[in-house]
Amino acid sequence: MKTLFIGGVKSGKSRLAEVYILEKAGTDRPYYLATTEFFDEEIQDRVRVHKQRRKDYFITLEEPIKLLDVLEKYQGPVLIECVSMWLNNLLYHQIPETEILQELEAVLQLPGNMVLVHNEVGLGVIADNPLARQFVDLSGKAAQLMGQYCDEVFFCSAGLKLRLK
């Protein structure tokens, strides 16, 4: 089963996704696939908060680029936190959009339970620079792909989730 939690920054999507997968996993300890690359101190602070919250409830894996390679090696429920940062990393490393979307589709076709966290970035104004517009467009395409493959989709806002699918 595949589940997507999508929402804005600080919408509560990560916490809601963590609670969700822990409930679904039962006695199994799920994997937590962290995708963030450490570019600055503020990102490191955000990661610290996530680590403190998840304690030892998860088996943590870290991979900022090659999700498919990592996910093919591990069996069991997995929380991918987050797809948006993964997309950011791949754009930073100048990976072509077609390759990014192909890898995401391959990830979504893997067997097993998977919970994905993704930022909704398409509700704001059109960005004033090409890279930001490229990210928003890619993020929207990725969200549509995940929405297509996921069995459940939850939109998150104000710490609440609304089931879309």
Protein backbone atom coordinates (compact mmCIF):
# COMPACT_ATOMS: atom_id res chain seq x y z
CA MET A 1 0.00 0.00 0.00
CA LYS A 2 1.24 3.47 -0.90
CA THR A 3 0.16 6.60 0.99
CA LEU A 4 0.96 10.25 0.31
CA PHE A 5 0.90 13.06 2.88
CA ILE A 6 1.04 16.42 1.10
CA GLY A 7 0.80 19.91 2.53
CA GLY A 8 2.58 23.18 3.03
CA VAL A 9 5.64 23.85 5.16
CA LYS A 10 4.86 23.31 8.87
CA SER A 11 1.42 21.88 8.02
CA GLY A 12 1.99 18.85 10.27
CA LYS A 13 2.40 16.39 7.40
CA SER A 14 5.60 14.79 8.71
CA ARG A 15 4.21 14.19 12.20
CA LEU A 16 0.93 12.87 10.78
CA ALA A 17 2.81 10.56 8.40
CA GLU A 18 4.97 9.25 11.25
CA VAL A 19 1.92 8.48 13.41
CA TYR A 20 0.18 6.87 10.44
CA ILE A 21 3.00 4.49 9.51
CA LEU A 22 3.65 3.54 13.14
CA GLU A 23 -0.03 2.59 13.51
CA LYS A 24 -0.02 0.62 10.25
CA ALA A 25 3.30 -1.12 10.98
CA GLY A 26 2.03 -2.65 14.21
CA THR A 27 4.90 -4.49 15.85
CA ASP A 28 7.24 -3.97 12.87
CA ARG A 29 9.71 -1.12 13.23
CA PRO A 30 9.42 0.88 9.99
CA TYR A 31 12.26 2.44 8.06
CA TYR A 32 12.61 6.20 7.92
CA LEU A 33 14.33 7.22 4.69
CA ALA A 34 15.68 10.73 5.22
CA THR A 35 16.51 12.59 2.00
CA THR A 36 17.83 15.94 3.24
CA GLU A 37 21.31 17.09 2.35
CA PHE A 38 22.84 19.45 4.89
CA PHE A 39 23.38 22.76 3.15
CA ASP A 40 23.13 25.11 6.12
CA GLU A 41 22.64 25.31 9.88
CA GLU A 42 18.89 26.03 9.65
CA ILE A 43 18.33 22.75 7.74
CA GLN A 44 20.44 20.93 10.33
CA ASP A 45 18.20 22.35 13.07
CA ARG A 46 15.08 21.11 11.27
CA VAL A 47 16.60 17.65 10.94
CA ARG A 48 17.47 17.60 14.65
CA VAL A 49 13.82 18.28 15.53
CA HIS A 50 12.70 15.40 13.30
CA LYS A 51 15.27 13.05 14.85
CA GLN A 52 14.22 13.96 18.38
CA ARG A 53 10.56 13.39 17.55
CA ARG A 54 11.03 10.00 15.95
CA LYS A 55 13.40 8.74 18.69
CA ASP A 56 14.06 5.03 18.14
CA TYR A 57 10.63 4.19 16.73
CA PHE A 58 12.19 3.93 13.25
CA ILE A 59 15.25 2.43 11.58
CA THR A 60 16.81 5.49 9.97
CA LEU A 61 18.29 5.36 6.49
CA GLU A 62 19.81 8.43 4.84
CA GLU A 63 19.98 8.88 1.08
CA PRO A 64 19.66 12.23 -0.67
CA ILE A 65 19.92 11.02 -4.29
CA LYS A 66 19.41 7.33 -5.11
CA LEU A 67 16.09 6.38 -3.51
CA LEU A 68 15.49 3.39 -5.74
CA ASP A 69 18.86 1.81 -4.94
CA VAL A 70 18.22 2.06 -1.21
CA LEU A 71 14.59 0.97 -1.28
CA GLU A 72 15.35 -2.13 -3.35
CA LYS A 73 17.63 -3.34 -0.53
CA TYR A 74 15.21 -3.03 2.40
CA GLN A 75 12.00 -4.90 3.07
CA GLY A 76 9.31 -3.59 5.37
CA PRO A 77 7.27 -0.43 5.73
CA VAL A 78 9.12 2.78 4.86
CA LEU A 79 8.46 6.48 5.38
CA ILE A 80 10.15 8.69 2.78
CA GLU A 81 10.79 12.12 4.30
CA CYS A 82 10.64 13.95 2.09
CA VAL A 83 10.14 13.75 -1.65
CA SER A 84 10.39 17.55 -1.96
CA MET A 85 13.91 17.61 -0.53
CA TRP A 86 14.87 14.71 -2.79
CA LEU A 87 13.64 16.71 -5.82
CA ASN A 88 15.59 19.73 -4.58
CA ASN A 89 18.74 17.62 -4.27
CA LEU A 90 18.40 16.23 -7.77
CA LEU A 91 17.86 19.68 -9.29
CA TYR A 92 20.89 20.92 -7.36
CA HIS A 93 22.94 18.07 -8.89
CA GLN A 94 21.48 18.90 -12.33
CA ILE A 95 19.71 15.58 -12.89
CA PRO A 96 17.32 15.89 -15.86
CA GLU A 97 13.61 16.03 -15.06
CA THR A 98 12.82 12.96 -17.15
CA GLU A 99 15.29 10.88 -15.13
CA ILE A 100 13.88 12.19 -11.86
CA LEU A 101 10.30 11.30 -12.76
CA GLN A 102 11.36 7.88 -14.09
CA GLU A 103 13.11 7.08 -10.82
CA LEU A 104 10.11 8.26 -8.80
CA GLU A 105 7.80 6.07 -10.87
CA ALA A 106 10.11 3.08 -10.34
CA VAL A 107 10.06 3.75 -6.58
CA LEU A 108 6.26 3.88 -6.62
CA GLN A 109 6.13 0.53 -8.40
CA LEU A 110 8.13 -1.25 -5.69
CA PRO A 111 6.18 -3.74 -3.60
CA GLY A 112 5.52 -3.09 0.06
CA ASN A 113 4.07 -0.42 2.27
CA MET A 114 5.36 3.08 1.64
CA VAL A 115 4.39 6.46 3.07
CA LEU A 116 5.63 9.52 1.20
CA VAL A 117 5.79 13.09 2.50
CA HIS A 118 5.73 15.95 0.00
CA ASN A 119 5.42 19.73 0.19
CA GLU A 120 2.56 21.32 -1.72
CA VAL A 121 4.27 24.27 -3.37
CA GLY A 122 1.79 25.01 -6.15
CA LEU A 123 -0.68 27.11 -4.17
CA GLY A 124 1.35 30.33 -4.18
CA VAL A 125 2.37 32.92 -6.70
CA ILE A 126 4.43 32.15 -9.78
CA ALA A 127 8.09 32.43 -8.82
CA ASP A 128 10.20 35.23 -10.23
CA ASN A 129 13.19 33.08 -11.21
CA PRO A 130 13.63 30.12 -13.57
CA LEU A 131 15.04 27.66 -11.00
CA ALA A 132 12.17 28.22 -8.58
CA ARG A 133 9.64 27.79 -11.42
CA GLN A 134 11.43 24.61 -12.49
CA PHE A 135 11.19 23.25 -8.94
CA VAL A 136 7.48 24.12 -8.61
CA ASP A 137 6.69 22.52 -11.97
CA LEU A 138 8.68 19.38 -11.16
CA SER A 139 7.10 19.20 -7.72
CA GLY A 140 3.63 19.41 -9.25
CA LYS A 141 4.41 16.66 -11.76
CA ALA A 142 5.81 14.49 -8.96
CA ALA A 143 2.71 15.11 -6.83
CA GLN A 144 0.45 14.07 -9.71
CA LEU A 145 2.50 10.90 -10.24
CA MET A 146 2.35 10.03 -6.55
CA GLY A 147 -1.37 10.77 -6.48
CA GLN A 148 -1.85 8.36 -9.37
CA TYR A 149 0.09 5.50 -7.73
CA CYS A 150 -0.88 5.99 -4.09
CA ASP A 151 -3.81 4.13 -2.61
CA GLU A 152 -4.40 6.92 -0.09
CA VAL A 153 -3.65 10.64 -0.30
CA PHE A 154 -3.99 13.06 2.63
CA PHE A 155 -3.79 16.84 2.35
CA CYS A 156 -2.41 18.37 5.56
CA SER A 157 -3.01 21.82 7.01
CA ALA A 158 -3.02 23.22 10.56
CA GLY A 159 -1.87 19.85 11.92
CA LEU A 160 -4.93 18.09 10.48
CA LYS A 161 -5.29 15.71 7.57
CA LEU A 162 -8.02 15.62 4.95
CA ARG A 163 -8.38 12.43 2.95
CA LEU A 164 -8.37 13.15 -0.79
CA LYS A 165 -8.20 9.56 -1.98
